[in-house]
Amino acid sequence: MPTGLEFFDRLLHEYRKVWNNRLLNVENQNSEEILKDAIKRELLDENSHPRVRKNRYEKYYSAIKRLVDSNISTETKVHLIEVHNQMMDELK
């Protein structure tokens, strides 16, 4: 997977297309940190009320399904899935 802020700027832009109403904390963070933080919060289901939260495997499945079903490019889908995989590995 490519790296660099320009790469993550583009990935974050595409991520926002898929999750257009997602609040992203951008205070003192670069695009890579913002994207990874948003995906981590998504996998931990921190955007839901505690009583209805799902486990990270269910959230991973639904996130990947949403990416696959989106209209972003296949290359971007693969890169976003790679970031999801990386975040899942960090959560183990």
N, C-alpha and C. Protein backbone atom coordinates (compact mmCIF):
# COMPACT_ATOMS: atom_id res chain seq x y z
N MET A 1 0.85 -1.18 0.00
CA MET A 1 0.00 0.00 0.00
C MET A 1 0.89 1.24 0.00
N PRO A 2 0.59 2.19 -0.86
CA PRO A 2 1.37 3.43 -0.87
C PRO A 2 1.22 4.17 0.45
N THR A 3 2.12 5.09 0.69
CA THR A 3 2.05 5.89 1.92
C THR A 3 2.22 7.36 1.56
N GLY A 4 2.23 8.19 2.55
CA GLY A 4 2.41 9.62 2.34
C GLY A 4 1.11 10.37 2.55
N LEU A 5 1.26 11.62 2.92
CA LEU A 5 0.08 12.43 3.24
C LEU A 5 -0.82 12.64 2.04
N GLU A 6 -0.25 12.82 0.86
CA GLU A 6 -1.08 13.01 -0.33
C GLU A 6 -1.95 11.77 -0.60
N PHE A 7 -1.37 10.60 -0.42
CA PHE A 7 -2.11 9.35 -0.59
C PHE A 7 -3.26 9.28 0.40
N PHE A 8 -2.98 9.59 1.68
CA PHE A 8 -4.02 9.53 2.70
C PHE A 8 -5.04 10.66 2.55
N ASP A 9 -4.64 11.78 1.99
CA ASP A 9 -5.60 12.84 1.69
C ASP A 9 -6.65 12.32 0.72
N ARG A 10 -6.20 11.63 -0.32
CA ARG A 10 -7.14 11.07 -1.30
C ARG A 10 -8.00 9.96 -0.70
N LEU A 11 -7.38 9.10 0.12
CA LEU A 11 -8.15 8.02 0.76
C LEU A 11 -9.21 8.59 1.69
N LEU A 12 -8.85 9.59 2.46
CA LEU A 12 -9.81 10.21 3.38
C LEU A 12 -10.94 10.86 2.61
N HIS A 13 -10.64 11.50 1.50
CA HIS A 13 -11.67 12.10 0.65
C HIS A 13 -12.66 11.03 0.16
N GLU A 14 -12.14 9.90 -0.28
CA GLU A 14 -13.00 8.81 -0.76
C GLU A 14 -13.78 8.17 0.39
N TYR A 15 -13.15 8.03 1.55
CA TYR A 15 -13.83 7.49 2.73
C TYR A 15 -15.03 8.35 3.08
N ARG A 16 -14.87 9.66 2.99
CA ARG A 16 -15.97 10.57 3.28
C ARG A 16 -17.13 10.42 2.30
N LYS A 17 -16.85 9.98 1.09
CA LYS A 17 -17.93 9.73 0.12
C LYS A 17 -18.78 8.55 0.56
N VAL A 18 -18.15 7.56 1.16
CA VAL A 18 -18.87 6.36 1.58
C VAL A 18 -19.61 6.62 2.90
N TRP A 19 -18.98 7.33 3.80
CA TRP A 19 -19.58 7.66 5.11
C TRP A 19 -19.75 9.18 5.17
N ASN A 20 -20.71 9.71 4.41
CA ASN A 20 -20.83 11.16 4.25
C ASN A 20 -21.33 11.89 5.49
N ASN A 21 -21.96 11.25 6.42
CA ASN A 21 -22.45 11.92 7.62
C ASN A 21 -21.58 11.64 8.84
N ARG A 22 -20.45 10.99 8.65
CA ARG A 22 -19.58 10.62 9.76
C ARG A 22 -18.82 11.84 10.26
N LEU A 23 -18.87 12.09 11.55
CA LEU A 23 -18.10 13.16 12.15
C LEU A 23 -16.65 12.70 12.30
N LEU A 24 -15.74 13.53 11.85
CA LEU A 24 -14.33 13.18 11.93
C LEU A 24 -13.61 14.22 12.78
N ASN A 25 -12.86 13.75 13.75
CA ASN A 25 -12.07 14.64 14.59
C ASN A 25 -10.83 15.04 13.81
N VAL A 26 -10.71 16.32 13.48
CA VAL A 26 -9.59 16.78 12.64
C VAL A 26 -8.64 17.69 13.39
N GLU A 27 -8.83 17.82 14.68
CA GLU A 27 -8.01 18.72 15.48
C GLU A 27 -6.59 18.20 15.61
N ASN A 28 -5.64 18.95 15.07
CA ASN A 28 -4.21 18.64 15.19
C ASN A 28 -3.85 17.24 14.67
N GLN A 29 -4.54 16.78 13.64
CA GLN A 29 -4.24 15.47 13.06
C GLN A 29 -4.06 15.61 11.56
N ASN A 30 -3.20 14.75 11.00
CA ASN A 30 -3.08 14.72 9.54
C ASN A 30 -4.09 13.72 8.99
N SER A 31 -4.20 13.63 7.68
CA SER A 31 -5.22 12.80 7.05
C SER A 31 -5.07 11.32 7.40
N GLU A 32 -3.86 10.83 7.55
CA GLU A 32 -3.65 9.43 7.92
C GLU A 32 -4.21 9.16 9.32
N GLU A 33 -3.90 10.03 10.26
CA GLU A 33 -4.39 9.86 11.63
C GLU A 33 -5.91 9.98 11.70
N ILE A 34 -6.48 10.91 10.95
CA ILE A 34 -7.93 11.10 10.93
C ILE A 34 -8.62 9.86 10.40
N LEU A 35 -8.10 9.32 9.29
CA LEU A 35 -8.69 8.14 8.68
C LEU A 35 -8.60 6.94 9.61
N LYS A 36 -7.44 6.69 10.16
CA LYS A 36 -7.25 5.53 11.04
C LYS A 36 -8.09 5.66 12.31
N ASP A 37 -8.18 6.86 12.84
CA ASP A 37 -8.99 7.09 14.03
C ASP A 37 -10.47 6.85 13.72
N ALA A 38 -10.93 7.32 12.57
CA ALA A 38 -12.34 7.13 12.18
C ALA A 38 -12.65 5.65 12.00
N ILE A 39 -11.75 4.90 11.37
CA ILE A 39 -11.97 3.47 11.16
C ILE A 39 -11.93 2.73 12.48
N LYS A 40 -11.02 3.10 13.36
CA LYS A 40 -10.95 2.45 14.68
C LYS A 40 -12.25 2.69 15.45
N ARG A 41 -12.74 3.94 15.46
CA ARG A 41 -14.01 4.24 16.14
C ARG A 41 -15.16 3.46 15.51
N GLU A 42 -15.11 3.33 14.20
CA GLU A 42 -16.15 2.56 13.48
C GLU A 42 -16.12 1.10 13.91
N LEU A 43 -14.94 0.50 13.95
CA LEU A 43 -14.82 -0.91 14.30
C LEU A 43 -15.20 -1.17 15.76
N LEU A 44 -14.95 -0.19 16.61
CA LEU A 44 -15.32 -0.33 18.02
C LEU A 44 -16.76 0.11 18.26
N ASP A 45 -17.43 0.53 17.20
CA ASP A 45 -18.84 0.93 17.24
C ASP A 45 -19.07 2.06 18.24
N GLU A 46 -18.12 2.98 18.31
CA GLU A 46 -18.22 4.09 19.25
C GLU A 46 -19.23 5.14 18.82
N ASN A 47 -19.74 5.04 17.61
CA ASN A 47 -20.72 6.00 17.13
C ASN A 47 -22.15 5.57 17.47
N SER A 48 -22.29 4.45 18.13
CA SER A 48 -23.61 3.92 18.51
C SER A 48 -23.80 3.99 20.01
N HIS A 49 -25.03 3.95 20.41
CA HIS A 49 -25.36 3.91 21.84
C HIS A 49 -24.84 2.58 22.40
N PRO A 50 -24.29 2.57 23.62
CA PRO A 50 -23.71 1.35 24.18
C PRO A 50 -24.63 0.13 24.19
N ARG A 51 -25.93 0.32 24.32
CA ARG A 51 -26.84 -0.83 24.36
C ARG A 51 -27.03 -1.50 23.01
N VAL A 52 -26.73 -0.80 21.94
CA VAL A 52 -26.94 -1.40 20.61
C VAL A 52 -25.64 -1.67 19.87
N ARG A 53 -24.52 -1.54 20.55
CA ARG A 53 -23.22 -1.76 19.91
C ARG A 53 -23.04 -3.21 19.48
N LYS A 54 -22.35 -3.37 18.35
CA LYS A 54 -22.02 -4.69 17.82
C LYS A 54 -20.53 -4.93 18.05
N ASN A 55 -20.13 -6.19 17.98
CA ASN A 55 -18.71 -6.47 18.17
C ASN A 55 -17.92 -6.06 16.93
N ARG A 56 -16.61 -5.97 17.08
CA ARG A 56 -15.79 -5.44 15.99
C ARG A 56 -15.81 -6.31 14.74
N TYR A 57 -16.09 -7.60 14.88
CA TYR A 57 -16.14 -8.46 13.69
C TYR A 57 -17.40 -8.19 12.87
N GLU A 58 -18.50 -7.95 13.56
CA GLU A 58 -19.73 -7.58 12.86
C GLU A 58 -19.56 -6.23 12.18
N LYS A 59 -18.92 -5.28 12.88
CA LYS A 59 -18.70 -3.96 12.31
C LYS A 59 -17.73 -4.03 11.13
N TYR A 60 -16.71 -4.88 11.23
CA TYR A 60 -15.77 -5.06 10.13
C TYR A 60 -16.50 -5.57 8.90
N TYR A 61 -17.32 -6.60 9.09
CA TYR A 61 -18.07 -7.17 7.97
C TYR A 61 -18.96 -6.11 7.31
N SER A 62 -19.69 -5.35 8.12
CA SER A 62 -20.60 -4.36 7.53
C SER A 62 -19.82 -3.22 6.86
N ALA A 63 -18.66 -2.85 7.41
CA ALA A 63 -17.84 -1.81 6.80
C ALA A 63 -17.29 -2.27 5.45
N ILE A 64 -16.80 -3.49 5.40
CA ILE A 64 -16.24 -4.01 4.14
C ILE A 64 -17.35 -4.16 3.10
N LYS A 65 -18.51 -4.64 3.52
CA LYS A 65 -19.64 -4.75 2.60
C LYS A 65 -20.03 -3.39 2.05
N ARG A 66 -20.05 -2.39 2.91
CA ARG A 66 -20.40 -1.04 2.47
C ARG A 66 -19.38 -0.51 1.48
N LEU A 67 -18.10 -0.77 1.73
CA LEU A 67 -17.06 -0.35 0.79
C LEU A 67 -17.21 -1.04 -0.56
N VAL A 68 -17.40 -2.36 -0.52
CA VAL A 68 -17.52 -3.13 -1.76
C VAL A 68 -18.73 -2.67 -2.58
N ASP A 69 -19.81 -2.35 -1.90
CA ASP A 69 -21.03 -1.92 -2.58
C ASP A 69 -21.01 -0.46 -3.02
N SER A 70 -19.99 0.30 -2.60
CA SER A 70 -19.93 1.73 -2.93
C SER A 70 -19.50 1.93 -4.38
N ASN A 71 -19.59 3.18 -4.83
CA ASN A 71 -19.22 3.48 -6.21
C ASN A 71 -17.84 4.11 -6.34
N ILE A 72 -16.97 3.92 -5.33
CA ILE A 72 -15.60 4.40 -5.44
C ILE A 72 -14.79 3.40 -6.26
N SER A 73 -13.61 3.80 -6.69
CA SER A 73 -12.80 2.93 -7.55
C SER A 73 -12.37 1.66 -6.82
N THR A 74 -12.14 0.62 -7.59
CA THR A 74 -11.70 -0.66 -7.03
C THR A 74 -10.37 -0.51 -6.29
N GLU A 75 -9.47 0.27 -6.85
CA GLU A 75 -8.17 0.49 -6.20
C GLU A 75 -8.35 1.14 -4.83
N THR A 76 -9.23 2.13 -4.75
CA THR A 76 -9.50 2.80 -3.47
C THR A 76 -10.15 1.84 -2.49
N LYS A 77 -11.06 1.01 -2.98
CA LYS A 77 -11.69 0.01 -2.11
C LYS A 77 -10.64 -0.89 -1.48
N VAL A 78 -9.70 -1.35 -2.28
CA VAL A 78 -8.64 -2.24 -1.79
C VAL A 78 -7.81 -1.53 -0.73
N HIS A 79 -7.44 -0.28 -0.98
CA HIS A 79 -6.63 0.45 0.00
C HIS A 79 -7.40 0.69 1.29
N LEU A 80 -8.67 1.02 1.20
CA LEU A 80 -9.47 1.23 2.41
C LEU A 80 -9.66 -0.09 3.18
N ILE A 81 -9.82 -1.18 2.46
CA ILE A 81 -9.92 -2.48 3.12
C ILE A 81 -8.60 -2.81 3.82
N GLU A 82 -7.47 -2.48 3.19
CA GLU A 82 -6.17 -2.71 3.82
C GLU A 82 -6.04 -1.92 5.12
N VAL A 83 -6.54 -0.68 5.13
CA VAL A 83 -6.48 0.12 6.36
C VAL A 83 -7.40 -0.50 7.42
N HIS A 84 -8.57 -0.97 7.01
CA HIS A 84 -9.46 -1.67 7.95
C HIS A 84 -8.76 -2.90 8.52
N ASN A 85 -8.08 -3.67 7.68
CA ASN A 85 -7.36 -4.86 8.15
C ASN A 85 -6.28 -4.47 9.15
N GLN A 86 -5.55 -3.42 8.85
CA GLN A 86 -4.49 -2.95 9.75
C GLN A 86 -5.09 -2.55 11.10
N MET A 87 -6.20 -1.86 11.09
CA MET A 87 -6.82 -1.43 12.33
C MET A 87 -7.36 -2.63 13.11
N MET A 88 -7.91 -3.61 12.42
CA MET A 88 -8.37 -4.83 13.10
C MET A 88 -7.19 -5.53 13.77
N ASP A 89 -6.06 -5.62 13.08
CA ASP A 89 -4.88 -6.25 13.68
C ASP A 89 -4.43 -5.50 14.92
N GLU A 90 -4.50 -4.18 14.91
CA GLU A 90 -4.11 -3.40 16.07
C GLU A 90 -5.07 -3.58 17.24
N LEU A 91 -6.32 -3.90 16.95
CA LEU A 91 -7.33 -4.04 18.00
C LEU A 91 -7.27 -5.42 18.66
N LYS A 92 -6.58 -6.37 18.07
CA LYS A 92 -6.52 -7.73 18.63
C LYS A 92 -5.71 -7.77 19.90
